[in-house]
Amino acid sequence: MPECARTDLILALADNLSAEDVQLVRPFLRLAELATPTATDAELLADAWESLESLFALIDGEAGR
């Protein structure tokens, strides 16, 4: 499969995501795919969302200081 094709396919099938959500999660999904290429699509999407949530938690924690 060409580079990023799997990422784009996963995002295309996630029809409940807004355009903004797609742009936000795409790099995290790509990183998850590079880290674990044998993971299922659902696992990759879960990893991407977890990474994104961790980033926001870190930002919120820094803002609260």
N, C-alpha and C. Protein backbone atom coordinates (compact mmCIF):
# COMPACT_ATOMS: atom_id res chain seq x y z
N MET A 1 0.85 -1.18 0.00
CA MET A 1 0.00 0.00 0.00
C MET A 1 0.90 1.24 0.00
N PRO A 2 0.61 2.23 -0.84
CA PRO A 2 1.44 3.43 -0.88
C PRO A 2 1.46 4.16 0.46
N GLU A 3 2.52 4.93 0.66
CA GLU A 3 2.66 5.67 1.91
C GLU A 3 1.43 6.53 2.17
N CYS A 4 0.93 6.49 3.36
CA CYS A 4 -0.23 7.26 3.84
C CYS A 4 -1.57 6.76 3.30
N ALA A 5 -1.57 5.79 2.41
CA ALA A 5 -2.84 5.32 1.85
C ALA A 5 -3.72 4.70 2.93
N ARG A 6 -3.11 3.94 3.83
CA ARG A 6 -3.90 3.32 4.91
C ARG A 6 -4.46 4.39 5.84
N THR A 7 -3.66 5.37 6.18
CA THR A 7 -4.12 6.47 7.03
C THR A 7 -5.31 7.17 6.38
N ASP A 8 -5.19 7.49 5.10
CA ASP A 8 -6.27 8.18 4.39
C ASP A 8 -7.52 7.32 4.32
N LEU A 9 -7.35 6.01 4.12
CA LEU A 9 -8.51 5.11 4.07
C LEU A 9 -9.22 5.05 5.41
N ILE A 10 -8.47 4.93 6.49
CA ILE A 10 -9.07 4.89 7.82
C ILE A 10 -9.86 6.17 8.08
N LEU A 11 -9.27 7.31 7.74
CA LEU A 11 -9.96 8.59 7.97
C LEU A 11 -11.18 8.74 7.07
N ALA A 12 -11.11 8.22 5.87
CA ALA A 12 -12.26 8.29 4.96
C ALA A 12 -13.42 7.45 5.48
N LEU A 13 -13.09 6.33 6.11
CA LEU A 13 -14.14 5.46 6.64
C LEU A 13 -14.73 5.97 7.96
N ALA A 14 -14.02 6.86 8.63
CA ALA A 14 -14.50 7.43 9.89
C ALA A 14 -15.39 8.63 9.56
N ASP A 15 -16.59 8.34 9.06
CA ASP A 15 -17.46 9.39 8.55
C ASP A 15 -18.05 10.30 9.62
N ASN A 16 -17.84 9.96 10.90
CA ASN A 16 -18.37 10.82 11.96
C ASN A 16 -17.38 11.92 12.35
N LEU A 17 -16.22 11.97 11.69
CA LEU A 17 -15.23 12.99 12.00
C LEU A 17 -15.46 14.23 11.14
N SER A 18 -15.34 15.38 11.75
CA SER A 18 -15.44 16.63 10.99
C SER A 18 -14.13 16.84 10.22
N ALA A 19 -14.13 17.77 9.30
CA ALA A 19 -12.91 18.08 8.55
C ALA A 19 -11.79 18.53 9.48
N GLU A 20 -12.16 19.27 10.52
CA GLU A 20 -11.16 19.73 11.49
C GLU A 20 -10.59 18.56 12.27
N ASP A 21 -11.44 17.60 12.66
CA ASP A 21 -10.98 16.42 13.37
C ASP A 21 -10.01 15.61 12.51
N VAL A 22 -10.32 15.47 11.25
CA VAL A 22 -9.47 14.72 10.33
C VAL A 22 -8.09 15.36 10.25
N GLN A 23 -8.05 16.68 10.11
CA GLN A 23 -6.77 17.38 10.02
C GLN A 23 -5.98 17.25 11.31
N LEU A 24 -6.68 17.23 12.42
CA LEU A 24 -6.03 17.13 13.72
C LEU A 24 -5.47 15.73 13.99
N VAL A 25 -6.21 14.71 13.65
CA VAL A 25 -5.82 13.35 13.99
C VAL A 25 -4.89 12.71 12.95
N ARG A 26 -4.88 13.22 11.71
CA ARG A 26 -4.08 12.60 10.64
C ARG A 26 -2.61 12.38 11.03
N PRO A 27 -1.88 13.39 11.53
CA PRO A 27 -0.47 13.13 11.86
C PRO A 27 -0.28 12.11 12.98
N PHE A 28 -1.19 12.09 13.94
CA PHE A 28 -1.10 11.12 15.03
C PHE A 28 -1.39 9.71 14.53
N LEU A 29 -2.33 9.61 13.62
CA LEU A 29 -2.65 8.31 13.03
C LEU A 29 -1.48 7.81 12.20
N ARG A 30 -0.87 8.68 11.46
CA ARG A 30 0.29 8.29 10.64
C ARG A 30 1.44 7.82 11.53
N LEU A 31 1.69 8.52 12.63
CA LEU A 31 2.74 8.10 13.56
C LEU A 31 2.43 6.74 14.17
N ALA A 32 1.17 6.52 14.51
CA ALA A 32 0.77 5.22 15.06
C ALA A 32 0.98 4.12 14.03
N GLU A 33 0.67 4.42 12.78
CA GLU A 33 0.85 3.44 11.71
C GLU A 33 2.34 3.13 11.51
N LEU A 34 3.18 4.13 11.57
CA LEU A 34 4.62 3.91 11.42
C LEU A 34 5.18 3.10 12.59
N ALA A 35 4.66 3.36 13.79
CA ALA A 35 5.16 2.67 14.98
C ALA A 35 4.72 1.21 15.04
N THR A 36 3.49 0.94 14.61
CA THR A 36 2.96 -0.43 14.68
C THR A 36 2.21 -0.76 13.38
N PRO A 37 2.92 -1.03 12.31
CA PRO A 37 2.27 -1.26 11.02
C PRO A 37 1.37 -2.49 10.96
N THR A 38 1.53 -3.41 11.91
CA THR A 38 0.69 -4.61 11.89
C THR A 38 -0.58 -4.46 12.73
N ALA A 39 -0.76 -3.33 13.37
CA ALA A 39 -1.96 -3.11 14.18
C ALA A 39 -3.19 -3.01 13.29
N THR A 40 -4.33 -3.33 13.88
CA THR A 40 -5.59 -3.18 13.14
C THR A 40 -5.91 -1.70 12.98
N ASP A 41 -6.82 -1.41 12.06
CA ASP A 41 -7.22 -0.02 11.86
C ASP A 41 -7.80 0.57 13.14
N ALA A 42 -8.61 -0.21 13.84
CA ALA A 42 -9.21 0.27 15.09
C ALA A 42 -8.13 0.56 16.14
N GLU A 43 -7.11 -0.29 16.21
CA GLU A 43 -6.02 -0.05 17.17
C GLU A 43 -5.24 1.20 16.82
N LEU A 44 -5.01 1.41 15.53
CA LEU A 44 -4.29 2.62 15.11
C LEU A 44 -5.08 3.87 15.45
N LEU A 45 -6.37 3.84 15.18
CA LEU A 45 -7.20 5.00 15.49
C LEU A 45 -7.25 5.25 16.99
N ALA A 46 -7.36 4.19 17.77
CA ALA A 46 -7.36 4.33 19.23
C ALA A 46 -6.04 4.90 19.73
N ASP A 47 -4.93 4.43 19.18
CA ASP A 47 -3.62 4.96 19.57
C ASP A 47 -3.49 6.43 19.21
N ALA A 48 -3.97 6.79 18.04
CA ALA A 48 -3.90 8.18 17.61
C ALA A 48 -4.71 9.08 18.53
N TRP A 49 -5.94 8.67 18.86
CA TRP A 49 -6.79 9.47 19.75
C TRP A 49 -6.17 9.58 21.14
N GLU A 50 -5.57 8.48 21.62
CA GLU A 50 -4.94 8.49 22.94
C GLU A 50 -3.76 9.48 22.96
N SER A 51 -2.97 9.47 21.91
CA SER A 51 -1.85 10.41 21.82
C SER A 51 -2.34 11.85 21.77
N LEU A 52 -3.38 12.07 21.03
CA LEU A 52 -3.95 13.42 20.93
C LEU A 52 -4.52 13.89 22.27
N GLU A 53 -5.22 13.00 22.95
CA GLU A 53 -5.75 13.34 24.28
C GLU A 53 -4.63 13.61 25.27
N SER A 54 -3.55 12.85 25.19
CA SER A 54 -2.40 13.08 26.07
C SER A 54 -1.78 14.44 25.81
N LEU A 55 -1.71 14.81 24.55
CA LEU A 55 -1.17 16.13 24.21
C LEU A 55 -2.02 17.24 24.80
N PHE A 56 -3.34 17.12 24.66
CA PHE A 56 -4.22 18.14 25.22
C PHE A 56 -4.17 18.17 26.75
N ALA A 57 -4.03 17.01 27.36
CA ALA A 57 -3.91 16.96 28.82
C ALA A 57 -2.64 17.67 29.26
N LEU A 58 -1.56 17.46 28.54
CA LEU A 58 -0.30 18.13 28.85
C LEU A 58 -0.44 19.63 28.68
N ILE A 59 -1.08 20.06 27.61
CA ILE A 59 -1.29 21.49 27.38
C ILE A 59 -2.15 22.08 28.49
N ASP A 60 -3.23 21.39 28.85
CA ASP A 60 -4.10 21.86 29.93
C ASP A 60 -3.34 21.95 31.25
N GLY A 61 -2.49 20.97 31.51
CA GLY A 61 -1.69 20.97 32.75
C GLY A 61 -0.73 22.13 32.78
N GLU A 62 -0.13 22.43 31.67
CA GLU A 62 0.82 23.56 31.61
C GLU A 62 0.09 24.88 31.74
N ALA A 63 -1.10 24.97 31.19
CA ALA A 63 -1.88 26.20 31.26
C ALA A 63 -2.36 26.47 32.68
N GLY A 64 -2.54 25.39 33.45
CA GLY A 64 -3.03 25.53 34.81
C GLY A 64 -1.97 25.96 35.81
N ARG A 65 -0.74 26.05 35.39
CA ARG A 65 0.34 26.42 36.31
C ARG A 65 0.41 27.90 36.53
